[in-house]
Protein backbone atom coordinates (compact mmCIF):
# COMPACT_ATOMS: atom_id res chain seq x y z
CA UNK A 1 -44.50 -127.37 -117.29
CA UNK A 2 -43.15 -130.79 -116.36
CA UNK A 3 -44.14 -134.10 -117.86
CA UNK A 4 -43.44 -135.98 -121.06
CA UNK A 5 -41.69 -133.47 -123.31
CA UNK A 6 -42.85 -135.40 -126.38
CA UNK A 7 -46.43 -134.29 -125.65
CA UNK A 8 -45.49 -130.70 -126.48
CA UNK A 9 -45.55 -129.76 -130.14
CA UNK A 10 -45.84 -126.62 -132.24
CA UNK A 11 -44.64 -123.02 -132.19
CA UNK A 12 -46.83 -120.26 -130.74
CA UNK A 13 -46.57 -116.51 -131.02
CA UNK A 14 -48.43 -114.04 -128.81
CA UNK A 15 -50.45 -111.58 -130.86
CA UNK A 16 -51.44 -108.18 -129.51
CA UNK A 17 -54.33 -105.85 -130.20
CA UNK A 18 -55.38 -102.37 -129.20
CA UNK A 19 -58.80 -100.80 -129.65
CA UNK A 20 -59.97 -103.79 -131.68
CA UNK A 21 -57.04 -103.65 -134.12
CA UNK A 22 -54.25 -106.21 -134.38
CA UNK A 23 -50.87 -104.61 -133.68
CA UNK A 24 -48.01 -104.86 -136.18
CA UNK A 25 -45.82 -106.71 -133.64
CA UNK A 26 -48.19 -109.67 -134.07
CA UNK A 27 -47.12 -109.98 -137.71
CA UNK A 28 -43.42 -109.45 -136.94
CA UNK A 29 -43.54 -112.36 -134.48
CA UNK A 30 -44.98 -114.63 -137.15
CA UNK A 31 -41.80 -114.07 -139.16
CA UNK A 32 -39.74 -115.25 -136.17
CA UNK A 33 -42.10 -118.17 -135.59
CA UNK A 34 -42.31 -119.26 -139.23
CA UNK A 35 -38.59 -119.94 -139.40
CA UNK A 36 -38.66 -121.99 -136.19
CA UNK A 37 -41.76 -123.96 -137.15
CA UNK A 38 -40.37 -124.83 -140.58
CA UNK A 39 -37.13 -126.13 -139.06
CA UNK A 40 -39.07 -128.29 -136.62
CA UNK A 41 -41.66 -129.38 -139.19
CA UNK A 42 -44.57 -128.28 -137.00
CA UNK A 43 -47.50 -125.87 -137.15
CA UNK A 44 -47.19 -122.18 -136.36
CA UNK A 45 -50.01 -120.74 -134.27
CA UNK A 46 -50.84 -117.22 -133.13
CA UNK A 47 -52.60 -116.64 -129.80
CA UNK A 48 -54.49 -113.39 -129.33
CA UNK A 49 -56.61 -112.04 -126.48
CA UNK A 50 -58.84 -108.97 -126.62
CA UNK A 51 -62.26 -107.71 -127.61
CA UNK A 52 -63.79 -106.93 -131.00
CA UNK A 53 -61.15 -108.86 -132.93
CA UNK A 54 -63.16 -111.79 -134.32
CA UNK A 55 -63.44 -110.26 -137.78
CA UNK A 56 -59.69 -109.46 -137.95
CA UNK A 57 -58.25 -112.92 -137.26
CA UNK A 58 -57.86 -113.99 -140.90
CA UNK A 59 -55.09 -111.41 -141.21
CA UNK A 60 -52.90 -113.54 -138.93
CA UNK A 61 -53.37 -116.46 -141.33
CA UNK A 62 -52.46 -114.26 -144.30
CA UNK A 63 -49.28 -113.24 -142.45
CA UNK A 64 -48.01 -116.75 -141.80
CA UNK A 65 -50.01 -118.50 -139.06
CA UNK A 66 -51.38 -122.01 -139.63
CA UNK A 67 -53.76 -121.69 -136.68
CA UNK A 68 -55.14 -118.85 -134.58
CA UNK A 69 -56.33 -119.31 -131.00
CA UNK A 70 -58.44 -116.32 -129.99
CA UNK A 71 -60.26 -115.33 -126.80
CA UNK A 72 -62.64 -112.43 -127.41
CA UNK A 73 -64.56 -110.94 -124.48
CA UNK A 74 -65.52 -107.41 -123.28
CA UNK A 75 -63.62 -107.92 -120.00
CA UNK A 76 -60.44 -108.47 -122.03
CA UNK A 77 -60.62 -105.22 -123.97
CA UNK A 78 -57.88 -103.68 -121.78
CA UNK A 79 -54.72 -105.58 -120.95
CA UNK A 80 -54.69 -106.78 -117.35
CA UNK A 81 -51.80 -109.06 -116.34
CA UNK A 82 -53.75 -111.37 -114.03
CA UNK A 83 -56.61 -112.10 -116.44
CA UNK A 84 -54.38 -112.45 -119.50
CA UNK A 85 -51.95 -114.78 -117.73
CA UNK A 86 -54.81 -117.02 -116.52
CA UNK A 87 -56.20 -117.30 -120.04
CA UNK A 88 -52.78 -118.09 -121.50
CA UNK A 89 -52.18 -120.70 -118.80
CA UNK A 90 -55.42 -122.47 -119.75
CA UNK A 91 -54.47 -122.45 -123.42
CA UNK A 92 -50.95 -123.75 -122.82
CA UNK A 93 -52.21 -126.53 -120.53
CA UNK A 94 -54.77 -127.63 -123.13
CA UNK A 95 -52.72 -127.47 -126.35
CA UNK A 96 -49.11 -127.89 -125.09
CA UNK A 97 -46.90 -125.89 -127.47
CA UNK A 98 -43.17 -126.67 -127.39
CA UNK A 99 -42.17 -123.04 -128.08
CA UNK A 100 -43.99 -119.83 -127.13
CA UNK A 101 -42.55 -116.44 -128.11
CA UNK A 102 -43.79 -112.90 -127.55
CA UNK A 103 -42.68 -109.39 -128.37
CA UNK A 104 -40.77 -107.46 -125.68
CA UNK A 105 -43.49 -104.81 -125.55
CA UNK A 106 -45.10 -103.66 -122.32
CA UNK A 107 -47.63 -106.48 -122.69
CA UNK A 108 -45.07 -109.17 -123.50
CA UNK A 109 -42.59 -108.10 -120.84
CA UNK A 110 -45.38 -108.12 -118.25
CA UNK A 111 -47.42 -111.21 -118.99
CA UNK A 112 -44.73 -113.68 -120.11
CA UNK A 113 -42.81 -113.74 -116.79
CA UNK A 114 -46.10 -114.25 -114.92
CA UNK A 115 -47.07 -117.08 -117.25
CA UNK A 116 -43.61 -118.68 -116.96
CA UNK A 117 -43.90 -118.66 -113.17
CA UNK A 118 -47.43 -120.10 -113.24
CA UNK A 119 -46.54 -123.01 -115.51
CA UNK A 120 -43.03 -123.48 -114.06
CA UNK A 121 -40.86 -123.05 -117.14
CA UNK A 122 -38.00 -120.80 -118.20
CA UNK A 123 -38.12 -117.46 -120.02
CA UNK A 124 -35.35 -115.63 -121.89
CA UNK A 125 -36.09 -111.93 -122.32
CA UNK A 126 -35.10 -109.49 -125.08
CA UNK A 127 -33.61 -112.06 -127.45
CA UNK A 128 -31.82 -110.86 -130.57
CA UNK A 129 -31.66 -114.31 -132.14
CA UNK A 130 -33.68 -117.55 -132.07
CA UNK A 131 -32.73 -120.83 -133.72
CA UNK A 132 -33.25 -124.58 -133.43
CA UNK A 133 -30.53 -126.99 -132.33
CA UNK A 134 -30.86 -129.78 -134.95
CA UNK A 135 -30.08 -132.83 -132.81
CA UNK A 136 -32.17 -131.89 -129.77
CA UNK A 137 -34.98 -129.70 -131.21
CA UNK A 138 -34.13 -127.24 -128.43
CA UNK A 139 -34.74 -123.54 -128.89
CA UNK A 140 -31.45 -121.60 -128.93
CA UNK A 141 -32.22 -118.26 -127.32
CA UNK A 142 -29.52 -115.65 -127.91
CA UNK A 143 -29.43 -112.35 -126.05
CA UNK A 144 -26.84 -109.71 -125.05
CA UNK A 145 -25.26 -110.05 -121.62
CA UNK A 146 -22.80 -108.12 -119.46
CA UNK A 147 -23.88 -104.75 -120.81
CA UNK A 148 -23.99 -105.98 -124.39
CA UNK A 149 -20.32 -106.97 -124.48
CA UNK A 150 -21.03 -110.69 -124.96
CA UNK A 151 -23.83 -112.72 -126.49
CA UNK A 152 -25.27 -115.56 -124.39
CA UNK A 153 -27.15 -118.54 -125.86
CA UNK A 154 -29.68 -120.09 -123.47
CA UNK A 155 -31.56 -123.41 -123.60
CA UNK A 156 -34.56 -124.79 -121.71
CA UNK A 157 -33.92 -128.56 -121.84
CA UNK A 158 -36.21 -129.92 -119.12
CA UNK A 159 -39.39 -127.85 -119.19
CA UNK A 160 -41.98 -126.83 -121.76
CA UNK A 161 -42.90 -124.64 -123.41
CA UNK A 162 -39.58 -122.97 -124.18
CA UNK A 163 -40.39 -119.29 -123.83
CA UNK A 164 -38.72 -116.10 -125.04
CA UNK A 165 -39.41 -112.48 -125.89
CA UNK A 166 -37.82 -110.67 -128.83
CA UNK A 167 -37.33 -106.98 -129.46
CA UNK A 168 -40.14 -105.28 -131.45
CA UNK A 169 -39.18 -104.18 -134.97
CA UNK A 170 -36.28 -106.64 -135.04
CA UNK A 171 -37.86 -108.39 -138.04
CA UNK A 172 -40.24 -107.23 -140.72
CA UNK A 173 -43.61 -108.96 -141.19
CA UNK A 174 -43.85 -111.63 -143.85
CA UNK A 175 -45.48 -110.64 -147.12
CA UNK A 176 -49.26 -110.71 -146.87
CA UNK A 177 -50.72 -113.68 -148.75
CA UNK A 178 -54.56 -113.67 -148.92
CA UNK A 179 -54.50 -117.11 -150.55
CA UNK A 180 -53.22 -118.78 -147.37
CA UNK A 181 -55.64 -121.04 -145.53
CA UNK A 182 -55.66 -121.84 -141.84
CA UNK A 183 -57.79 -122.71 -138.85
CA UNK A 184 -59.29 -120.17 -136.43
CA UNK A 185 -60.24 -121.50 -133.01
CA UNK A 186 -62.36 -119.24 -130.79
CA UNK A 187 -62.06 -120.24 -127.14
CA UNK A 188 -64.48 -119.43 -124.34
CA UNK A 189 -63.85 -119.79 -120.63
CA UNK A 190 -65.89 -119.07 -117.48
CA UNK A 191 -66.28 -115.30 -117.03
CA UNK A 192 -64.54 -115.32 -113.64
CA UNK A 193 -61.33 -116.20 -115.47
CA UNK A 194 -61.47 -112.81 -117.21
CA UNK A 195 -62.08 -110.74 -114.11
CA UNK A 196 -59.15 -108.70 -112.89
CA UNK A 197 -58.09 -107.08 -109.65
CA UNK A 198 -56.54 -104.32 -111.74
CA UNK A 199 -58.69 -101.29 -112.51
CA UNK A 200 -58.01 -99.40 -115.74
CA UNK A 201 -57.96 -95.67 -115.04
CA UNK A 202 -56.93 -94.00 -118.29
CA UNK A 203 -54.46 -94.06 -121.13
CA UNK A 204 -52.05 -91.11 -121.28
CA UNK A 205 -50.51 -90.50 -124.69
CA UNK A 206 -46.88 -89.46 -124.97
CA UNK A 207 -47.33 -85.91 -126.26
CA UNK A 208 -43.62 -85.43 -127.00
CA UNK A 209 -43.91 -87.25 -130.32
CA UNK A 210 -46.56 -87.54 -133.00
CA UNK A 211 -45.57 -91.01 -134.16
CA UNK A 212 -44.80 -93.94 -131.81
CA UNK A 213 -41.05 -94.44 -131.95
CA UNK A 214 -41.10 -98.15 -132.79
CA UNK A 215 -43.71 -97.70 -135.51
CA UNK A 216 -42.14 -94.67 -137.22
CA UNK A 217 -40.82 -94.94 -140.78
CA UNK A 218 -38.39 -92.13 -140.01
CA UNK A 219 -36.44 -91.73 -136.76
CA UNK A 220 -34.32 -88.66 -136.06
CA UNK A 221 -32.09 -89.49 -133.08
CA UNK A 222 -29.79 -87.26 -131.08
CA UNK A 223 -26.90 -87.93 -128.75
CA UNK A 224 -24.33 -86.28 -126.57
CA UNK A 225 -23.19 -84.10 -129.48
CA UNK A 226 -26.37 -82.01 -129.15
CA UNK A 227 -24.85 -80.53 -125.96
CA UNK A 228 -28.12 -79.79 -124.22
CA UNK A 229 -31.88 -80.23 -123.96
CA UNK A 230 -32.77 -77.05 -125.88
CA UNK A 231 -30.99 -78.28 -128.99
CA UNK A 232 -33.38 -81.22 -129.34
CA UNK A 233 -35.86 -78.65 -130.68
CA UNK A 234 -34.02 -78.90 -134.00
CA UNK A 235 -34.58 -82.63 -134.08
CA UNK A 236 -38.29 -82.27 -133.29
CA UNK A 237 -38.65 -79.84 -136.18
CA UNK A 238 -36.70 -82.08 -138.55
CA UNK A 239 -38.75 -85.12 -137.50
CA UNK A 240 -41.99 -83.18 -138.01
CA UNK A 241 -40.95 -82.16 -141.52
CA UNK A 242 -40.05 -85.76 -142.36
CA UNK A 243 -43.16 -87.23 -140.74
CA UNK A 244 -41.10 -89.17 -138.21
CA UNK A 245 -40.32 -89.55 -134.52
CA UNK A 246 -37.45 -88.40 -132.31
CA UNK A 247 -35.07 -90.92 -130.76
CA UNK A 248 -32.06 -90.54 -128.49
CA UNK A 249 -28.95 -92.26 -127.19
CA UNK A 250 -28.73 -93.43 -123.60
CA UNK A 251 -26.28 -90.61 -122.79
CA UNK A 252 -28.79 -87.97 -123.86
CA UNK A 253 -31.49 -89.62 -121.74
CA UNK A 254 -29.20 -90.05 -118.72
CA UNK A 255 -28.34 -86.36 -118.85
CA UNK A 256 -32.04 -85.51 -118.68
CA UNK A 257 -32.25 -83.87 -122.08
CA UNK A 258 -35.11 -86.11 -123.26
CA UNK A 259 -37.39 -88.71 -121.68
CA UNK A 260 -36.64 -92.43 -121.54
CA UNK A 261 -39.50 -93.20 -123.95
CA UNK A 262 -37.22 -91.92 -126.75
CA UNK A 263 -34.20 -94.08 -125.91
CA UNK A 264 -32.91 -96.39 -128.66
CA UNK A 265 -30.62 -99.30 -127.78
CA UNK A 266 -30.23 -102.37 -125.60
CA UNK A 267 -31.73 -100.66 -122.57
CA UNK A 268 -34.28 -98.76 -124.65
CA UNK A 269 -36.29 -99.51 -127.78
CA UNK A 270 -35.38 -101.36 -130.97
CA UNK A 271 -36.40 -99.52 -134.13
CA UNK A 272 -36.40 -100.55 -137.78
CA UNK A 273 -37.42 -97.49 -139.80
CA UNK A 274 -36.90 -96.82 -143.47
CA UNK A 275 -34.67 -93.89 -142.50
CA UNK A 276 -32.62 -93.51 -139.30
CA UNK A 277 -30.75 -90.25 -138.76
CA UNK A 278 -28.06 -90.43 -136.07
CA UNK A 279 -27.16 -86.87 -135.13
CA UNK A 280 -24.34 -86.31 -132.68
CA UNK A 281 -24.30 -90.01 -131.76
CA UNK A 282 -20.92 -91.74 -131.56
CA UNK A 283 -22.29 -95.26 -132.05
CA UNK A 284 -21.79 -97.28 -128.86
CA UNK A 285 -22.45 -101.01 -129.24
CA UNK A 286 -25.49 -100.74 -126.99
CA UNK A 287 -27.03 -98.07 -129.22
CA UNK A 288 -26.24 -99.87 -132.47
CA UNK A 289 -28.07 -102.96 -131.22
CA UNK A 290 -31.30 -100.97 -131.27
CA UNK A 291 -31.12 -99.53 -134.80
CA UNK A 292 -28.92 -101.62 -137.12
CA UNK A 293 -31.95 -103.18 -138.85
CA UNK A 294 -32.90 -99.74 -140.24
CA UNK A 295 -33.10 -99.66 -144.05
CA UNK A 296 -31.05 -96.49 -144.50
CA UNK A 297 -28.82 -94.89 -141.86
CA UNK A 298 -27.58 -91.30 -142.15
CA UNK A 299 -24.99 -90.15 -139.60
CA UNK A 300 -23.80 -86.63 -138.74
CA UNK A 301 -20.77 -86.34 -136.48
CA UNK A 302 -17.65 -84.20 -136.15
CA UNK A 303 -15.45 -87.26 -135.48
CA UNK A 304 -14.55 -89.07 -138.73
CA UNK A 305 -13.58 -92.14 -136.67
CA UNK A 306 -16.96 -92.36 -134.89
CA UNK A 307 -18.28 -95.91 -134.73
CA UNK A 308 -21.64 -94.81 -136.14
CA UNK A 309 -20.06 -94.35 -139.59
CA UNK A 310 -19.32 -98.10 -139.73
CA UNK A 311 -23.03 -98.88 -139.94
CA UNK A 312 -24.22 -95.80 -141.85
CA UNK A 313 -25.15 -95.71 -145.53
CA UNK A 314 -24.43 -91.98 -145.73
CA UNK A 315 -22.07 -90.14 -143.41
CA UNK A 316 -21.52 -86.42 -142.97
CA UNK A 317 -18.44 -85.32 -141.07
CA UNK A 318 -19.25 -81.85 -139.81
CA UNK A 319 -20.88 -79.59 -137.25
CA UNK A 320 -24.48 -80.67 -136.66
CA UNK A 321 -25.34 -77.11 -135.58
CA UNK A 322 -24.59 -75.99 -139.14
CA UNK A 323 -25.84 -79.04 -141.01
CA UNK A 324 -29.22 -79.66 -139.32
CA UNK A 325 -30.54 -76.06 -139.67
CA UNK A 326 -29.45 -76.08 -143.33
CA UNK A 327 -31.21 -79.40 -143.85
CA UNK A 328 -34.39 -78.06 -142.24
CA UNK A 329 -34.24 -74.97 -144.45
CA UNK A 330 -33.84 -77.02 -147.64
CA UNK A 331 -36.71 -79.35 -146.74
CA UNK A 332 -38.96 -76.36 -146.06
CA UNK A 333 -37.99 -74.80 -149.39
CA UNK A 334 -38.82 -78.01 -151.22
CA UNK A 335 -42.17 -78.31 -149.45
CA UNK A 336 -43.00 -74.67 -150.23
CA UNK A 337 -42.00 -75.23 -153.84
CA UNK A 338 -44.43 -78.11 -154.13
CA UNK A 339 -47.24 -75.99 -152.73
CA UNK A 340 -46.50 -73.18 -155.18
CA UNK A 341 -46.32 -75.63 -158.05
């Protein structure tokens, strides 16, 4: 949006909900936003659109928001890009935030470019870093470029709001604080604003994994070292025993061994599990960018010089076709022992 830039003030994050529940990415974004808002000395607000969420909005305050702008209507129960972007445009025009950030989920990657085009401002996608330039108050938006070989820092000096998306699971939510107080603002607009040309048909669950990859506490990922699609069966079994999800390197996906929904890295998903197991993965820079925020990294590779060992907490140099079956066997024995006990 053009106009007097001094009229724009505050940091906004785009919350998300599904089936009347606020998604965890909403709380992760508040961690990003809190740092920016504190540096600017402004309020942090969360914007959320959906249906059946009125009773859940306090949670956004507990997780770091000073204000919550919510639009709750039956026609907004399912995400539709045209309706959501119109609602967000109305909100931005009325309240004029200087920064607006979203998660690079399907929703964020879809609606933020539409909104940026409607209000005529810039958008930097898939940022890995956000900061404030002290002298100018400009948002410094850092993201990988040229295949991940360089990092570019982008500014939006002449238009507002400054908009960016960040990878999901790239930060952990702030600690929940039920003592926090804030303001909840429920907005209502004419019903025609909520009507969409898009018809929801059905939701098809990815049946190849029990736990969504980006929400899993344990990720068992395989790469080129698995040598074929059939060998991913070992990883599925190991992930099942550990209560986790299966991930993969881009090479494994490109060779058709596993679907793209499992890809971890710059061109795939960013994960931040408690345990990340990299099995037969060499550790290309593009892959590391998607998993280095994991709490504990365990790597199995035959090459002692593999790059993956530089970021791993525990490394095993050896044949994965010997190590993984043995690991599965030992976990099963331990589980059986608990049952017998």
